[in-house]
Amino acid sequence: MRASGILTAAAALSACTMGGTGLSPEAIARGQAKSVVNSVVAQKMPGVNAAPVTDCIIDNASMAEIYSISRGAVVGVDADTVNTVMTIAKRPDTLSCITRNGLSLL
């Protein structure tokens, strides 16, 4: 079920490039994933400037994770999406990024 959702999101994203946006499916997915991650960070870490944390999470996510997260922009954020975001947030490289940006919050 999850794989079919990811494939559906990927197909929808690839159709966007045919519409003349000039962006690759990967760039579109990253943008949509960023929006989803930002909302998850804002919800799970109230009072924190979500933008730099979001950047660190996106920068440390695999492309498969990006596509999975971007699915939330199409079908809504579910528990799997939140778990994926929070798992990436807890990775050593993500935590280092957050710390480098002066945000020792996690």
C-alpha atoms as a PDB file:
ATOM      1  CA  MET A   1       0.000   0.000   0.000  1.00  0.00           C
ATOM      2  CA  ARG A   2       2.740   2.430   0.965  1.00  0.00           C
ATOM      3  CA  ALA A   3       4.713   1.626  -2.191  1.00  0.00           C
ATOM      4  CA  SER A   4       1.690   2.296  -4.360  1.00  0.00           C
ATOM      5  CA  GLY A   5       1.211   5.658  -2.628  1.00  0.00           C
ATOM      6  CA  ILE A   6       4.831   6.556  -3.293  1.00  0.00           C
ATOM      7  CA  LEU A   7       4.488   5.538  -6.932  1.00  0.00           C
ATOM      8  CA  THR A   8       1.291   7.566  -7.242  1.00  0.00           C
ATOM      9  CA  ALA A   9       3.005  10.623  -5.764  1.00  0.00           C
ATOM     10  CA  ALA A  10       6.015  10.121  -8.039  1.00  0.00           C
ATOM     11  CA  ALA A  11       3.750   9.847 -11.079  1.00  0.00           C
ATOM     12  CA  ALA A  12       1.889  12.979 -10.068  1.00  0.00           C
ATOM     13  CA  LEU A  13       5.161  14.784  -9.547  1.00  0.00           C
ATOM     14  CA  SER A  14       6.567  13.699 -12.894  1.00  0.00           C
ATOM     15  CA  ALA A  15       3.414  14.964 -14.595  1.00  0.00           C
ATOM     16  CA  CYS A  16       4.155  18.376 -13.114  1.00  0.00           C
ATOM     17  CA  THR A  17       7.352  18.673 -15.154  1.00  0.00           C
ATOM     18  CA  MET A  18       5.429  18.032 -18.325  1.00  0.00           C
ATOM     19  CA  GLY A  19       3.318  21.069 -17.494  1.00  0.00           C
ATOM     20  CA  GLY A  20       6.243  23.354 -18.235  1.00  0.00           C
ATOM     21  CA  THR A  21       7.569  24.088 -14.751  1.00  0.00           C
ATOM     22  CA  GLY A  22      11.098  23.297 -15.895  1.00  0.00           C
ATOM     23  CA  LEU A  23      11.774  21.549 -12.597  1.00  0.00           C
ATOM     24  CA  SER A  24      12.827  17.936 -12.301  1.00  0.00           C
ATOM     25  CA  PRO A  25      10.591  15.480 -10.450  1.00  0.00           C
ATOM     26  CA  GLU A  26      13.262  15.382  -7.738  1.00  0.00           C
ATOM     27  CA  ALA A  27      13.166  19.159  -7.279  1.00  0.00           C
ATOM     28  CA  ILE A  28       9.379  19.158  -7.127  1.00  0.00           C
ATOM     29  CA  ALA A  29       9.387  16.287  -4.622  1.00  0.00           C
ATOM     30  CA  ARG A  30      11.960  18.114  -2.469  1.00  0.00           C
ATOM     31  CA  GLY A  31       9.795  21.234  -2.464  1.00  0.00           C
ATOM     32  CA  GLN A  32       6.688  19.304  -1.495  1.00  0.00           C
ATOM     33  CA  ALA A  33       8.595  17.296   1.114  1.00  0.00           C
ATOM     34  CA  LYS A  34       9.987  20.523   2.554  1.00  0.00           C
ATOM     35  CA  SER A  35       6.457  21.816   3.056  1.00  0.00           C
ATOM     36  CA  VAL A  36       5.424  18.593   4.800  1.00  0.00           C
ATOM     37  CA  VAL A  37       8.552  18.474   6.986  1.00  0.00           C
ATOM     38  CA  ASN A  38       8.067  22.105   7.956  1.00  0.00           C
ATOM     39  CA  SER A  39       4.541  21.367   9.191  1.00  0.00           C
ATOM     40  CA  VAL A  40       5.694  18.272  11.104  1.00  0.00           C
ATOM     41  CA  VAL A  41       8.556  20.203  12.738  1.00  0.00           C
ATOM     42  CA  ALA A  42       6.202  23.042  13.677  1.00  0.00           C
ATOM     43  CA  GLN A  43       3.797  20.542  15.232  1.00  0.00           C
ATOM     44  CA  LYS A  44       6.381  18.405  17.042  1.00  0.00           C
ATOM     45  CA  MET A  45       8.706  21.247  18.101  1.00  0.00           C
ATOM     46  CA  PRO A  46       6.500  24.231  18.934  1.00  0.00           C
ATOM     47  CA  GLY A  47       8.315  27.527  19.384  1.00  0.00           C
ATOM     48  CA  VAL A  48      11.247  26.447  17.206  1.00  0.00           C
ATOM     49  CA  ASN A  49      12.118  28.182  13.936  1.00  0.00           C
ATOM     50  CA  ALA A  50      11.151  25.254  11.711  1.00  0.00           C
ATOM     51  CA  ALA A  51      12.887  26.420   8.509  1.00  0.00           C
ATOM     52  CA  PRO A  52      16.522  25.587   9.440  1.00  0.00           C
ATOM     53  CA  VAL A  53      15.496  22.295  11.049  1.00  0.00           C
ATOM     54  CA  THR A  54      13.502  21.443   7.927  1.00  0.00           C
ATOM     55  CA  ASP A  55      16.531  22.173   5.728  1.00  0.00           C
ATOM     56  CA  CYS A  56      18.694  19.832   7.824  1.00  0.00           C
ATOM     57  CA  ILE A  57      16.102  17.053   7.648  1.00  0.00           C
ATOM     58  CA  ILE A  58      15.625  17.402   3.889  1.00  0.00           C
ATOM     59  CA  ASP A  59      19.393  17.540   3.292  1.00  0.00           C
ATOM     60  CA  ASN A  60      19.870  14.278   5.220  1.00  0.00           C
ATOM     61  CA  ALA A  61      16.967  12.344   3.685  1.00  0.00           C
ATOM     62  CA  SER A  62      17.404   9.810   0.912  1.00  0.00           C
ATOM     63  CA  MET A  63      15.536  10.379  -2.350  1.00  0.00           C
ATOM     64  CA  ALA A  64      13.216   7.484  -1.446  1.00  0.00           C
ATOM     65  CA  GLU A  65      12.446   9.230   1.848  1.00  0.00           C
ATOM     66  CA  ILE A  66      11.886  12.523   0.016  1.00  0.00           C
ATOM     67  CA  TYR A  67       9.338  10.859  -2.278  1.00  0.00           C
ATOM     68  CA  SER A  68       7.689   9.152   0.690  1.00  0.00           C
ATOM     69  CA  ILE A  69       7.435  12.420   2.633  1.00  0.00           C
ATOM     70  CA  SER A  70       6.243  14.382  -0.413  1.00  0.00           C
ATOM     71  CA  ARG A  71       3.343  11.958  -0.653  1.00  0.00           C
ATOM     72  CA  GLY A  72       2.003  13.715   2.451  1.00  0.00           C
ATOM     73  CA  ALA A  73       1.521  16.878   0.407  1.00  0.00           C
ATOM     74  CA  VAL A  74      -0.756  14.948  -1.947  1.00  0.00           C
ATOM     75  CA  VAL A  75      -2.698  12.596   0.342  1.00  0.00           C
ATOM     76  CA  GLY A  76      -2.152  14.168   3.762  1.00  0.00           C
ATOM     77  CA  VAL A  77       0.347  13.653   6.545  1.00  0.00           C
ATOM     78  CA  ASP A  78      -0.076  10.356   8.366  1.00  0.00           C
ATOM     79  CA  ALA A  79       1.752   8.598  11.207  1.00  0.00           C
ATOM     80  CA  ASP A  80       4.225   6.985   8.781  1.00  0.00           C
ATOM     81  CA  THR A  81       5.159  10.397   7.410  1.00  0.00           C
ATOM     82  CA  VAL A  82       5.683  11.822  10.894  1.00  0.00           C
ATOM     83  CA  ASN A  83       7.769   8.774  11.883  1.00  0.00           C
ATOM     84  CA  THR A  84       9.931   9.126   8.775  1.00  0.00           C
ATOM     85  CA  VAL A  85      10.555  12.819   9.468  1.00  0.00           C
ATOM     86  CA  MET A  86      11.380  12.220  13.132  1.00  0.00           C
ATOM     87  CA  THR A  87      13.670   9.272  12.304  1.00  0.00           C
ATOM     88  CA  ILE A  88      15.658  11.459   9.901  1.00  0.00           C
ATOM     89  CA  ALA A  89      15.726  14.251  12.514  1.00  0.00           C
ATOM     90  CA  LYS A  90      17.416  11.921  15.022  1.00  0.00           C
ATOM     91  CA  ARG A  91      20.235  10.813  12.711  1.00  0.00           C
ATOM     92  CA  PRO A  92      23.735  11.907  13.736  1.00  0.00           C
ATOM     93  CA  ASP A  93      24.334  13.899  10.536  1.00  0.00           C
ATOM     94  CA  THR A  94      20.991  15.668  10.903  1.00  0.00           C
ATOM     95  CA  LEU A  95      21.677  16.483  14.553  1.00  0.00           C
ATOM     96  CA  SER A  96      25.121  17.823  13.581  1.00  0.00           C
ATOM     97  CA  CYS A  97      23.499  20.039  10.961  1.00  0.00           C
ATOM     98  CA  ILE A  98      20.992  21.343  13.482  1.00  0.00           C
ATOM     99  CA  THR A  99      23.772  22.005  16.008  1.00  0.00           C
ATOM    100  CA  ARG A 100      25.907  23.769  13.368  1.00  0.00           C
ATOM    101  CA  ASN A 101      22.999  26.090  12.760  1.00  0.00           C
ATOM    102  CA  GLY A 102      22.879  26.911  16.468  1.00  0.00           C
ATOM    103  CA  LEU A 103      19.729  24.965  17.135  1.00  0.00           C
ATOM    104  CA  SER A 104      20.523  22.424  19.832  1.00  0.00           C
ATOM    105  CA  LEU A 105      16.917  21.381  20.356  1.00  0.00           C
ATOM    106  CA  LEU A 106      16.590  17.663  19.828  1.00  0.00           C
END
